[in-house]
């Protein structure tokens, strides 16, 4: 039986693929468990895995929670599933490595929340996305109300969430939800890998601490954010990569970073 989530490597880039194309990559509990395990694996291998890509198999990125499964659950099991999806997406967001979502098709509800938990998002031009939960009698429960409002502002987030509106990637690009759009799957992959390799040119520990400084500082006042930045900088000072960069500058060559 083929796994519901695939994992592969391309050098220092890890690629996670949701693999339930017949169900539009909807997230049942088993899929969430597998996704959570892979995210933890990426975290533990942060010295070797330096960028993570997440995509969907077939014509969808992820259609959200598996409603076929949801109809069979009692209230306690629903709470378990919601807690699980929230915890998995939080673990994704907290990875030290930069993460890139490739929105190759539908991304609704929890699927859109999965993309929002990533650092960057690229989408096909005809992809559609939205937090559609209120049309199903619930609300976004995996971080959507919080992450979307922080990304595009509370007023616009309320407009999209309270109307359960589905938008195309061109509108998402205009709003700043996605970083760019592509005509086809090949171009989508090239955009994501292009960004990944730009990131890979730099010192991985410095990349991780720069990401941490932005993430931790974005929800606090400026002075606290500056203190966060200072703490993240302090982590970098004793690293071998910092010294390697100085030596490479002196020798007029490209530095060779090892993540140490």
C-alpha atoms as a PDB file:
ATOM      1  CA  UNK A   1       0.000   0.000   0.000  1.00  0.00           C
ATOM      2  CA  UNK A   2       1.444   3.362  -1.042  1.00  0.00           C
ATOM      3  CA  UNK A   3       2.140   5.859   1.722  1.00  0.00           C
ATOM      4  CA  UNK A   4      -0.261   8.761   2.146  1.00  0.00           C
ATOM      5  CA  UNK A   5       2.721  11.112   2.470  1.00  0.00           C
ATOM      6  CA  UNK A   6       5.938  10.644   0.505  1.00  0.00           C
ATOM      7  CA  UNK A   7       9.379  11.869   1.493  1.00  0.00           C
ATOM      8  CA  UNK A   8      12.384  12.409  -0.759  1.00  0.00           C
ATOM      9  CA  UNK A   9      15.644  14.307  -0.846  1.00  0.00           C
ATOM     10  CA  UNK A  10      17.312  16.475  -3.481  1.00  0.00           C
ATOM     11  CA  UNK A  11      20.664  17.370  -1.971  1.00  0.00           C
ATOM     12  CA  UNK A  12      20.032  19.587   1.048  1.00  0.00           C
ATOM     13  CA  UNK A  13      16.377  20.016   0.046  1.00  0.00           C
ATOM     14  CA  UNK A  14      13.696  17.711   1.471  1.00  0.00           C
ATOM     15  CA  UNK A  15      10.392  17.298  -0.370  1.00  0.00           C
ATOM     16  CA  UNK A  16       7.208  16.160   1.354  1.00  0.00           C
ATOM     17  CA  UNK A  17       4.363  15.171  -0.991  1.00  0.00           C
ATOM     18  CA  UNK A  18       0.799  14.625   0.192  1.00  0.00           C
ATOM     19  CA  UNK A  19      -0.213  11.495  -1.685  1.00  0.00           C
ATOM     20  CA  UNK A  20      -3.987  10.971  -1.557  1.00  0.00           C
ATOM     21  CA  UNK A  21      -4.833  12.347  -5.012  1.00  0.00           C
ATOM     22  CA  UNK A  22      -8.205  10.577  -5.253  1.00  0.00           C
ATOM     23  CA  UNK A  23      -9.260  12.407  -2.057  1.00  0.00           C
ATOM     24  CA  UNK A  24      -7.643  15.697  -3.165  1.00  0.00           C
ATOM     25  CA  UNK A  25      -4.974  15.051  -0.521  1.00  0.00           C
ATOM     26  CA  UNK A  26      -7.468  15.550   2.297  1.00  0.00           C
ATOM     27  CA  UNK A  27      -6.011  15.115   5.758  1.00  0.00           C
ATOM     28  CA  UNK A  28      -7.259  12.127   7.700  1.00  0.00           C
ATOM     29  CA  UNK A  29      -5.749  11.206  11.066  1.00  0.00           C
ATOM     30  CA  UNK A  30      -3.268   8.678   9.660  1.00  0.00           C
ATOM     31  CA  UNK A  31      -2.010  11.234   7.141  1.00  0.00           C
ATOM     32  CA  UNK A  32      -1.581  13.820   9.890  1.00  0.00           C
ATOM     33  CA  UNK A  33       0.429  11.355  11.964  1.00  0.00           C
ATOM     34  CA  UNK A  34       2.695  10.549   9.021  1.00  0.00           C
ATOM     35  CA  UNK A  35       3.115  14.245   8.187  1.00  0.00           C
ATOM     36  CA  UNK A  36       3.951  15.028  11.805  1.00  0.00           C
ATOM     37  CA  UNK A  37       6.568  12.265  11.923  1.00  0.00           C
ATOM     38  CA  UNK A  38       8.235  13.564   8.755  1.00  0.00           C
ATOM     39  CA  UNK A  39       8.305  17.140  10.034  1.00  0.00           C
ATOM     40  CA  UNK A  40      10.013  15.890  13.194  1.00  0.00           C
ATOM     41  CA  UNK A  41      12.520  13.998  11.039  1.00  0.00           C
ATOM     42  CA  UNK A  42      13.306  17.194   9.135  1.00  0.00           C
ATOM     43  CA  UNK A  43      13.812  19.057  12.409  1.00  0.00           C
ATOM     44  CA  UNK A  44      16.210  16.414  13.732  1.00  0.00           C
ATOM     45  CA  UNK A  45      18.243  16.500  10.495  1.00  0.00           C
ATOM     46  CA  UNK A  46      18.591  20.286  10.373  1.00  0.00           C
ATOM     47  CA  UNK A  47      22.352  20.076   9.758  1.00  0.00           C
ATOM     48  CA  UNK A  48      21.827  18.171   6.505  1.00  0.00           C
ATOM     49  CA  UNK A  49      18.292  19.188   5.463  1.00  0.00           C
ATOM     50  CA  UNK A  50      18.350  22.950   4.987  1.00  0.00           C
ATOM     51  CA  UNK A  51      15.128  23.696   3.072  1.00  0.00           C
ATOM     52  CA  UNK A  52      11.775  21.896   3.029  1.00  0.00           C
ATOM     53  CA  UNK A  53       9.278  21.854   0.148  1.00  0.00           C
ATOM     54  CA  UNK A  54       5.680  20.678   0.616  1.00  0.00           C
ATOM     55  CA  UNK A  55       3.416  19.842  -2.316  1.00  0.00           C
ATOM     56  CA  UNK A  56       0.398  17.749  -3.258  1.00  0.00           C
ATOM     57  CA  UNK A  57       0.039  14.876  -5.711  1.00  0.00           C
ATOM     58  CA  UNK A  58      -2.477  15.281  -8.530  1.00  0.00           C
ATOM     59  CA  UNK A  59      -4.742  18.292  -9.044  1.00  0.00           C
ATOM     60  CA  UNK A  60      -4.849  19.527  -5.444  1.00  0.00           C
ATOM     61  CA  UNK A  61      -2.406  20.796  -2.899  1.00  0.00           C
ATOM     62  CA  UNK A  62      -4.735  19.814  -0.061  1.00  0.00           C
ATOM     63  CA  UNK A  63      -8.518  20.064   0.215  1.00  0.00           C
ATOM     64  CA  UNK A  64      -8.365  20.281   4.003  1.00  0.00           C
ATOM     65  CA  UNK A  65      -9.734  17.877   6.586  1.00  0.00           C
ATOM     66  CA  UNK A  66     -11.080  14.556   5.347  1.00  0.00           C
ATOM     67  CA  UNK A  67     -14.817  15.162   5.700  1.00  0.00           C
ATOM     68  CA  UNK A  68     -15.610  11.520   4.938  1.00  0.00           C
ATOM     69  CA  UNK A  69     -13.641  10.564   8.041  1.00  0.00           C
ATOM     70  CA  UNK A  70     -14.985  13.533  10.007  1.00  0.00           C
ATOM     71  CA  UNK A  71     -18.578  12.319   9.557  1.00  0.00           C
ATOM     72  CA  UNK A  72     -17.688   9.080  11.370  1.00  0.00           C
ATOM     73  CA  UNK A  73     -16.145  10.781  14.423  1.00  0.00           C
ATOM     74  CA  UNK A  74     -17.730  11.604  17.753  1.00  0.00           C
ATOM     75  CA  UNK A  75     -17.118  14.975  19.438  1.00  0.00           C
ATOM     76  CA  UNK A  76     -14.116  13.721  21.392  1.00  0.00           C
ATOM     77  CA  UNK A  77     -12.492  12.352  18.233  1.00  0.00           C
ATOM     78  CA  UNK A  78     -13.155  15.622  16.393  1.00  0.00           C
ATOM     79  CA  UNK A  79     -11.348  17.476  19.185  1.00  0.00           C
ATOM     80  CA  UNK A  80      -8.471  15.001  18.887  1.00  0.00           C
ATOM     81  CA  UNK A  81      -8.192  15.586  15.129  1.00  0.00           C
ATOM     82  CA  UNK A  82      -8.339  19.362  15.450  1.00  0.00           C
ATOM     83  CA  UNK A  83      -5.665  19.289  18.148  1.00  0.00           C
ATOM     84  CA  UNK A  84      -3.514  17.029  15.978  1.00  0.00           C
ATOM     85  CA  UNK A  85      -3.704  19.210  12.868  1.00  0.00           C
ATOM     86  CA  UNK A  86      -2.969  22.310  14.940  1.00  0.00           C
ATOM     87  CA  UNK A  87       0.052  20.665  16.580  1.00  0.00           C
ATOM     88  CA  UNK A  88       1.439  19.373  13.268  1.00  0.00           C
ATOM     89  CA  UNK A  89       1.140  22.765  11.573  1.00  0.00           C
ATOM     90  CA  UNK A  90       2.712  24.507  14.574  1.00  0.00           C
ATOM     91  CA  UNK A  91       5.636  22.066  14.410  1.00  0.00           C
ATOM     92  CA  UNK A  92       5.987  22.899  10.709  1.00  0.00           C
ATOM     93  CA  UNK A  93       5.949  26.620  11.401  1.00  0.00           C
ATOM     94  CA  UNK A  94       8.590  26.226  14.121  1.00  0.00           C
ATOM     95  CA  UNK A  95      11.069  24.304  11.992  1.00  0.00           C
ATOM     96  CA  UNK A  96      14.427  26.085  11.876  1.00  0.00           C
ATOM     97  CA  UNK A  97      14.642  25.430   8.139  1.00  0.00           C
ATOM     98  CA  UNK A  98      12.864  27.660   5.615  1.00  0.00           C
ATOM     99  CA  UNK A  99       9.736  25.967   4.240  1.00  0.00           C
ATOM    100  CA  UNK A 100       8.079  26.439   0.851  1.00  0.00           C
ATOM    101  CA  UNK A 101       4.554  25.375  -0.130  1.00  0.00           C
ATOM    102  CA  UNK A 102       3.911  24.536  -3.802  1.00  0.00           C
ATOM    103  CA  UNK A 103       0.187  25.153  -4.253  1.00  0.00           C
ATOM    104  CA  UNK A 104      -0.458  23.102  -7.369  1.00  0.00           C
ATOM    105  CA  UNK A 105      -4.260  23.200  -7.187  1.00  0.00           C
ATOM    106  CA  UNK A 106      -7.041  23.369  -4.619  1.00  0.00           C
ATOM    107  CA  UNK A 107      -5.991  24.543  -1.142  1.00  0.00           C
ATOM    108  CA  UNK A 108      -9.059  24.893   1.040  1.00  0.00           C
ATOM    109  CA  UNK A 109      -9.594  24.917   4.791  1.00  0.00           C
ATOM    110  CA  UNK A 110      -6.848  22.946   6.491  1.00  0.00           C
ATOM    111  CA  UNK A 111      -4.999  22.706   3.180  1.00  0.00           C
ATOM    112  CA  UNK A 112      -4.746  26.485   3.000  1.00  0.00           C
ATOM    113  CA  UNK A 113      -3.751  26.547   6.667  1.00  0.00           C
ATOM    114  CA  UNK A 114      -0.949  24.101   5.856  1.00  0.00           C
ATOM    115  CA  UNK A 115       0.365  26.506   3.224  1.00  0.00           C
ATOM    116  CA  UNK A 116       0.038  29.440   5.639  1.00  0.00           C
ATOM    117  CA  UNK A 117       2.219  27.568   8.157  1.00  0.00           C
ATOM    118  CA  UNK A 118       5.060  27.623   5.598  1.00  0.00           C
ATOM    119  CA  UNK A 119       7.469  30.540   5.186  1.00  0.00           C
ATOM    120  CA  UNK A 120       6.873  30.908   1.451  1.00  0.00           C
ATOM    121  CA  UNK A 121       4.104  29.989  -0.975  1.00  0.00           C
ATOM    122  CA  UNK A 122       4.161  29.622  -4.768  1.00  0.00           C
ATOM    123  CA  UNK A 123       1.003  28.713  -6.686  1.00  0.00           C
ATOM    124  CA  UNK A 124      -0.150  27.736 -10.142  1.00  0.00           C
ATOM    125  CA  UNK A 125      -1.972  30.563 -11.893  1.00  0.00           C
ATOM    126  CA  UNK A 126      -5.250  28.629 -11.878  1.00  0.00           C
ATOM    127  CA  UNK A 127      -4.972  27.382  -8.280  1.00  0.00           C
ATOM    128  CA  UNK A 128      -7.801  28.230  -5.911  1.00  0.00           C
ATOM    129  CA  UNK A 129      -7.541  28.664  -2.169  1.00  0.00           C
ATOM    130  CA  UNK A 130      -9.514  29.847   0.817  1.00  0.00           C
ATOM    131  CA  UNK A 131     -10.493  29.339   4.437  1.00  0.00           C
ATOM    132  CA  UNK A 132     -13.970  27.984   3.782  1.00  0.00           C
ATOM    133  CA  UNK A 133     -14.764  26.540   7.221  1.00  0.00           C
ATOM    134  CA  UNK A 134     -17.670  28.827   8.164  1.00  0.00           C
ATOM    135  CA  UNK A 135     -19.610  27.413   5.207  1.00  0.00           C
ATOM    136  CA  UNK A 136     -19.343  24.030   6.971  1.00  0.00           C
ATOM    137  CA  UNK A 137     -20.512  25.326  10.341  1.00  0.00           C
ATOM    138  CA  UNK A 138     -17.043  25.525  11.905  1.00  0.00           C
ATOM    139  CA  UNK A 139     -14.121  27.966  11.951  1.00  0.00           C
ATOM    140  CA  UNK A 140     -10.489  27.585  10.864  1.00  0.00           C
ATOM    141  CA  UNK A 141      -8.947  25.522  13.650  1.00  0.00           C
ATOM    142  CA  UNK A 142      -5.357  24.976  12.541  1.00  0.00           C
ATOM    143  CA  UNK A 143      -4.064  28.526  12.801  1.00  0.00           C
ATOM    144  CA  UNK A 144      -5.854  30.115   9.862  1.00  0.00           C
ATOM    145  CA  UNK A 145      -7.530  32.933  11.785  1.00  0.00           C
ATOM    146  CA  UNK A 146      -4.184  33.909  13.288  1.00  0.00           C
ATOM    147  CA  UNK A 147      -1.717  33.380  10.457  1.00  0.00           C
ATOM    148  CA  UNK A 148      -3.815  34.924   7.692  1.00  0.00           C
ATOM    149  CA  UNK A 149      -4.591  38.029   9.744  1.00  0.00           C
ATOM    150  CA  UNK A 150      -0.903  38.485  10.534  1.00  0.00           C
ATOM    151  CA  UNK A 151      -0.050  38.071   6.876  1.00  0.00           C
ATOM    152  CA  UNK A 152      -2.589  40.428   5.246  1.00  0.00           C
ATOM    153  CA  UNK A 153      -4.144  42.325   8.174  1.00  0.00           C
ATOM    154  CA  UNK A 154      -7.259  41.587  10.232  1.00  0.00           C
ATOM    155  CA  UNK A 155      -9.805  43.432   8.070  1.00  0.00           C
ATOM    156  CA  UNK A 156      -8.933  41.602   4.857  1.00  0.00           C
ATOM    157  CA  UNK A 157      -8.572  38.300   6.713  1.00  0.00           C
ATOM    158  CA  UNK A 158     -12.059  38.738   8.180  1.00  0.00           C
ATOM    159  CA  UNK A 159     -13.420  39.458   4.713  1.00  0.00           C
ATOM    160  CA  UNK A 160     -11.993  36.224   3.330  1.00  0.00           C
ATOM    161  CA  UNK A 161     -12.800  34.051   6.355  1.00  0.00           C
ATOM    162  CA  UNK A 162     -16.310  35.322   7.184  1.00  0.00           C
ATOM    163  CA  UNK A 163     -17.416  34.993   3.563  1.00  0.00           C
ATOM    164  CA  UNK A 164     -15.710  31.599   3.083  1.00  0.00           C
ATOM    165  CA  UNK A 165     -14.451  33.150  -0.144  1.00  0.00           C
ATOM    166  CA  UNK A 166     -12.387  31.135  -2.591  1.00  0.00           C
ATOM    167  CA  UNK A 167      -9.765  33.175  -4.407  1.00  0.00           C
ATOM    168  CA  UNK A 168      -7.475  32.436  -7.311  1.00  0.00           C
ATOM    169  CA  UNK A 169      -3.727  32.665  -7.008  1.00  0.00           C
ATOM    170  CA  UNK A 170      -3.619  35.964  -8.932  1.00  0.00           C
ATOM    171  CA  UNK A 171      -5.688  37.568  -6.146  1.00  0.00           C
ATOM    172  CA  UNK A 172      -3.614  35.782  -3.513  1.00  0.00           C
ATOM    173  CA  UNK A 173      -0.482  37.183  -5.153  1.00  0.00           C
ATOM    174  CA  UNK A 174      -1.919  40.705  -5.111  1.00  0.00           C
ATOM    175  CA  UNK A 175      -2.739  40.359  -1.411  1.00  0.00           C
ATOM    176  CA  UNK A 176       0.745  39.093  -0.585  1.00  0.00           C
ATOM    177  CA  UNK A 177      -0.416  35.610   0.384  1.00  0.00           C
ATOM    178  CA  UNK A 178       1.747  33.915  -2.245  1.00  0.00           C
ATOM    179  CA  UNK A 179       5.250  34.903  -3.299  1.00  0.00           C
ATOM    180  CA  UNK A 180       4.675  34.218  -6.970  1.00  0.00           C
ATOM    181  CA  UNK A 181       2.683  32.258  -9.544  1.00  0.00           C
ATOM    182  CA  UNK A 182       3.591  29.777 -12.260  1.00  0.00           C
ATOM    183  CA  UNK A 183       1.997  28.654 -15.514  1.00  0.00           C
ATOM    184  CA  UNK A 184       2.565  24.945 -15.018  1.00  0.00           C
ATOM    185  CA  UNK A 185       3.953  22.329 -12.633  1.00  0.00           C
ATOM    186  CA  UNK A 186       7.442  22.514 -14.114  1.00  0.00           C
ATOM    187  CA  UNK A 187       7.654  26.262 -13.618  1.00  0.00           C
ATOM    188  CA  UNK A 188       6.169  25.943 -10.123  1.00  0.00           C
ATOM    189  CA  UNK A 189       8.879  23.465  -9.122  1.00  0.00           C
ATOM    190  CA  UNK A 190      11.550  25.654 -10.719  1.00  0.00           C
ATOM    191  CA  UNK A 191      10.386  28.706  -8.755  1.00  0.00           C
ATOM    192  CA  UNK A 192      10.506  26.830  -5.470  1.00  0.00           C
ATOM    193  CA  UNK A 193      13.863  25.195  -6.174  1.00  0.00           C
ATOM    194  CA  UNK A 194      15.275  28.496  -7.373  1.00  0.00           C
ATOM    195  CA  UNK A 195      14.429  30.104  -4.045  1.00  0.00           C
ATOM    196  CA  UNK A 196      15.715  27.040  -2.186  1.00  0.00           C
ATOM    197  CA  UNK A 197      19.093  27.239  -3.920  1.00  0.00           C
ATOM    198  CA  UNK A 198      19.389  30.961  -3.262  1.00  0.00           C
ATOM    199  CA  UNK A 199      18.910  30.160   0.413  1.00  0.00           C
ATOM    200  CA  UNK A 200      21.353  27.228   0.245  1.00  0.00           C
ATOM    201  CA  UNK A 201      24.124  29.571  -0.929  1.00  0.00           C
ATOM    202  CA  UNK A 202      24.180  31.071   2.551  1.00  0.00           C
ATOM    203  CA  UNK A 203      25.308  29.889   5.990  1.00  0.00           C
ATOM    204  CA  UNK A 204      22.563  27.544   7.268  1.00  0.00           C
ATOM    205  CA  UNK A 205      22.873  28.481  10.939  1.00  0.00           C
ATOM    206  CA  UNK A 206      22.676  32.154  10.032  1.00  0.00           C
ATOM    207  CA  UNK A 207      19.596  31.460   7.893  1.00  0.00           C
ATOM    208  CA  UNK A 208      17.947  29.616  10.791  1.00  0.00           C
ATOM    209  CA  UNK A 209      18.670  32.407  13.263  1.00  0.00           C
ATOM    210  CA  UNK A 210      17.504  35.113  10.848  1.00  0.00           C
ATOM    211  CA  UNK A 211      14.226  33.202  10.405  1.00  0.00           C
ATOM    212  CA  UNK A 212      13.907  32.818  14.178  1.00  0.00           C
ATOM    213  CA  UNK A 213      14.510  36.528  14.732  1.00  0.00           C
ATOM    214  CA  UNK A 214      11.776  37.464  12.258  1.00  0.00           C
ATOM    215  CA  UNK A 215       9.284  34.897  13.560  1.00  0.00           C
ATOM    216  CA  UNK A 216       9.809  35.634  17.250  1.00  0.00           C
ATOM    217  CA  UNK A 217      10.052  39.375  16.794  1.00  0.00           C
ATOM    218  CA  UNK A 218       7.057  39.924  14.521  1.00  0.00           C
ATOM    219  CA  UNK A 219       4.456  39.671  17.293  1.00  0.00           C
ATOM    220  CA  UNK A 220       6.188  41.812  19.934  1.00  0.00           C
ATOM    221  CA  UNK A 221       7.045  45.495  20.309  1.00  0.00           C
ATOM    222  CA  UNK A 222      10.096  46.885  18.517  1.00  0.00           C
ATOM    223  CA  UNK A 223      12.408  46.970  21.538  1.00  0.00           C
ATOM    224  CA  UNK A 224      11.609  43.369  22.435  1.00  0.00           C
ATOM    225  CA  UNK A 225      12.120  42.444  18.796  1.00  0.00           C
ATOM    226  CA  UNK A 226      15.537  44.082  18.837  1.00  0.00           C
ATOM    227  CA  UNK A 227      16.397  42.069  21.950  1.00  0.00           C
ATOM    228  CA  UNK A 228      15.321  38.913  20.115  1.00  0.00           C
ATOM    229  CA  UNK A 229      17.555  39.869  17.195  1.00  0.00           C
ATOM    230  CA  UNK A 230      20.495  40.356  19.573  1.00  0.00           C
ATOM    231  CA  UNK A 231      19.973  36.918  21.113  1.00  0.00           C
ATOM    232  CA  UNK A 232      19.817  35.298  17.682  1.00  0.00           C
ATOM    233  CA  UNK A 233      22.993  37.117  16.628  1.00  0.00           C
ATOM    234  CA  UNK A 234      24.783  35.883  19.754  1.00  0.00           C
ATOM    235  CA  UNK A 235      24.121  32.294  18.680  1.00  0.00           C
ATOM    236  CA  UNK A 236      26.030  32.890  15.437  1.00  0.00           C
ATOM    237  CA  UNK A 237      29.173  34.526  16.850  1.00  0.00           C
ATOM    238  CA  UNK A 238      30.981  31.295  17.926  1.00  0.00           C
ATOM    239  CA  UNK A 239      30.145  29.348  14.732  1.00  0.00           C
ATOM    240  CA  UNK A 240      32.781  28.001  12.358  1.00  0.00           C
ATOM    241  CA  UNK A 241      30.752  29.242   9.394  1.00  0.00           C
ATOM    242  CA  UNK A 242      31.122  32.856  10.535  1.00  0.00           C
ATOM    243  CA  UNK A 243      34.892  32.476  10.626  1.00  0.00           C
ATOM    244  CA  UNK A 244      34.843  30.671   7.280  1.00  0.00           C
ATOM    245  CA  UNK A 245      32.998  33.616   5.713  1.00  0.00           C
ATOM    246  CA  UNK A 246      35.656  36.036   6.981  1.00  0.00           C
ATOM    247  CA  UNK A 247      38.456  33.807   5.712  1.00  0.00           C
ATOM    248  CA  UNK A 248      36.772  33.416   2.320  1.00  0.00           C
ATOM    249  CA  UNK A 249      36.390  37.184   2.053  1.00  0.00           C
ATOM    250  CA  UNK A 250      40.110  37.605   2.773  1.00  0.00           C
ATOM    251  CA  UNK A 251      41.023  34.982   0.195  1.00  0.00           C
ATOM    252  CA  UNK A 252      38.548  36.321  -2.391  1.00  0.00           C
ATOM    253  CA  UNK A 253      36.710  33.006  -2.769  1.00  0.00           C
ATOM    254  CA  UNK A 254      33.236  31.630  -2.149  1.00  0.00           C
ATOM    255  CA  UNK A 255      32.797  30.361   1.418  1.00  0.00           C
ATOM    256  CA  UNK A 256      32.146  26.694   2.065  1.00  0.00           C
ATOM    257  CA  UNK A 257      29.514  26.508   4.783  1.00  0.00           C
ATOM    258  CA  UNK A 258      29.080  23.311   6.813  1.00  0.00           C
ATOM    259  CA  UNK A 259      26.390  24.307   9.253  1.00  0.00           C
ATOM    260  CA  UNK A 260      28.808  24.402  12.171  1.00  0.00           C
END
